[in-house]
Structures are given as structure tokens and as C-alpha cells.
Protein backbone atom coordinates (compact mmCIF):
# COMPACT_ATOMS: atom_id res chain seq x y z
CA MET A 1 0.10 -0.08 0.02
CA ARG A 2 1.09 3.38 -0.88
CA LYS A 3 2.03 5.86 1.56
CA GLY A 4 1.52 9.48 1.66
CA LYS A 5 -2.07 10.26 2.19
CA LEU A 6 -1.88 14.03 2.34
CA THR A 7 -1.98 16.30 -0.48
CA ARG A 8 1.12 19.04 -0.93
CA ALA A 9 -2.06 21.75 0.24
CA GLU A 10 -2.74 19.78 3.27
CA ALA A 11 0.76 19.35 4.27
CA ILE A 12 1.19 23.17 4.01
CA LYS A 13 -1.71 23.48 6.36
CA ILE A 14 0.06 21.32 9.00
CA ALA A 15 3.82 21.88 8.55
CA GLY A 16 3.62 25.13 6.94
CA PHE A 17 5.09 26.27 3.77
CA ASP A 18 8.87 26.30 5.17
CA ALA A 19 8.67 22.72 5.88
CA VAL A 20 7.13 22.26 2.57
CA ASN A 21 9.35 24.41 0.56
CA ARG A 22 12.57 22.60 2.88
CA LEU A 23 11.12 19.55 1.90
CA ASP A 24 11.39 20.23 -1.81
CA GLY A 25 15.27 20.67 -1.62
CA GLU A 26 15.79 17.50 -0.21
CA ASN A 27 16.93 14.30 -2.34
CA CYS A 28 15.27 11.28 -1.53
CA ASP A 29 16.21 8.02 -1.18
CA PHE A 30 15.40 4.20 -1.45
CA SER A 31 12.79 3.60 1.34
CA ASN A 32 13.95 -0.29 1.84
CA ARG A 33 9.67 -0.95 2.69
CA VAL A 34 8.40 -3.72 0.86
CA GLN A 35 5.08 -3.69 -0.31
CA THR A 36 2.78 -6.34 0.71
CA ASP A 37 -0.25 -5.62 -1.76
CA GLY A 38 1.07 -6.72 -5.27
CA ASP A 39 1.94 -3.07 -6.03
CA THR A 40 5.17 -3.32 -7.75
CA ALA A 41 6.56 0.26 -7.86
CA VAL A 42 9.61 1.06 -5.90
CA GLU A 43 9.24 3.22 -2.72
CA PHE A 44 11.38 6.54 -2.72
CA GLU A 45 11.15 9.60 0.56
CA ALA A 46 12.40 12.38 1.99
CA SER A 47 12.01 14.16 4.98
CA VAL A 48 12.57 17.09 6.86
CA GLU A 49 11.70 18.33 10.63
CA PHE A 50 9.76 20.87 11.83
CA MET A 51 7.93 22.06 15.12
CA ASP A 52 3.89 22.37 14.54
CA GLU A 53 2.13 25.03 16.85
CA ASP A 54 1.96 22.94 19.98
CA GLY A 55 5.72 23.04 19.96
CA THR A 56 6.44 19.01 19.68
CA GLU A 57 9.17 17.97 16.99
CA CYS A 58 7.60 16.64 13.75
CA CYS A 59 8.45 15.18 10.61
CA LEU A 60 7.00 15.78 7.44
CA ILE A 61 8.04 13.07 4.87
CA ALA A 62 7.33 13.17 1.03
CA TYR A 63 6.45 10.30 -0.90
CA TYR A 64 7.77 8.72 -4.52
CA TYR A 65 7.15 5.77 -6.17
CA GLN A 66 8.81 4.56 -9.41
CA GLU A 67 7.46 1.87 -11.30
CA GLN A 68 10.78 -1.19 -11.67
CA ASP A 69 11.01 -1.03 -15.19
CA ASP A 70 11.53 2.69 -15.27
CA LEU A 71 14.57 1.82 -12.59
CA ALA A 72 15.89 -0.78 -15.49
CA GLY A 73 19.20 -0.67 -16.57
CA VAL A 74 19.20 3.59 -15.57
CA GLU A 75 22.78 4.69 -14.19
CA ASP A 76 21.57 8.85 -13.41
CA LEU A 77 18.27 8.36 -11.67
CA SER A 78 18.31 11.57 -11.78
CA LEU A 79 16.50 11.64 -15.36
CA LEU A 80 13.78 9.86 -13.97
CA ASP A 81 10.38 11.93 -13.48
CA TRP A 82 10.16 12.40 -9.64
CA ASP A 83 6.79 13.69 -8.57
CA ILE A 84 5.61 13.41 -5.19
CA GLU A 85 2.70 11.02 -4.56
CA GLY A 86 1.67 12.70 -1.73
CA TYR A 87 2.78 13.66 2.47
CA GLU A 88 2.91 12.36 5.90
CA VAL A 89 3.52 13.43 9.42
CA ILE A 90 4.95 11.72 11.96
């Protein structure tokens, strides 16, 4: 099951524009999470920390997915299309 059910607008409302903007500049990496629902896409994630309105330290995560066929034989992953699938706050 793919993670990241929040939209960009929802992430901005929860974490603030600055946190989402910082996250846009972060490199993503393999999450190493195995999907058990038959989805063959490979999951990548990037994250930044932020303080919520109560002063609690939280983490904003962006999830990206690439199809295995798109990754096969690609040496430069920056050539792939890196659209954020969704966000999560923990």
C-alpha cells in the first residue's frame, strides 16, 4: 500500500509552507519498505523536521514511487520523473 495520503495543500496547512519548501530541496532515497499488496512500484522518501504549533518536533515525509521497469538499467536516477505522490506527518 502506498504511503503519503496528504496533498501538498494539506501538508502546508499542517507543517507550514517553510517545511514543505525545505522538503522540496531534499534528495529522496530508497525507503527499503516492501509492499505486500502486489504493487510493484519502488518507494522513495525524503523528510524534514519541523515544530508543530504546540512546539512538538515532527517529521514531514514526501513519498515518491518509480516503476521497477523505469529503474532497470538507469544509471542516473535524476533522469527519471520525480513527482511527489503524497505527504505524511509523524
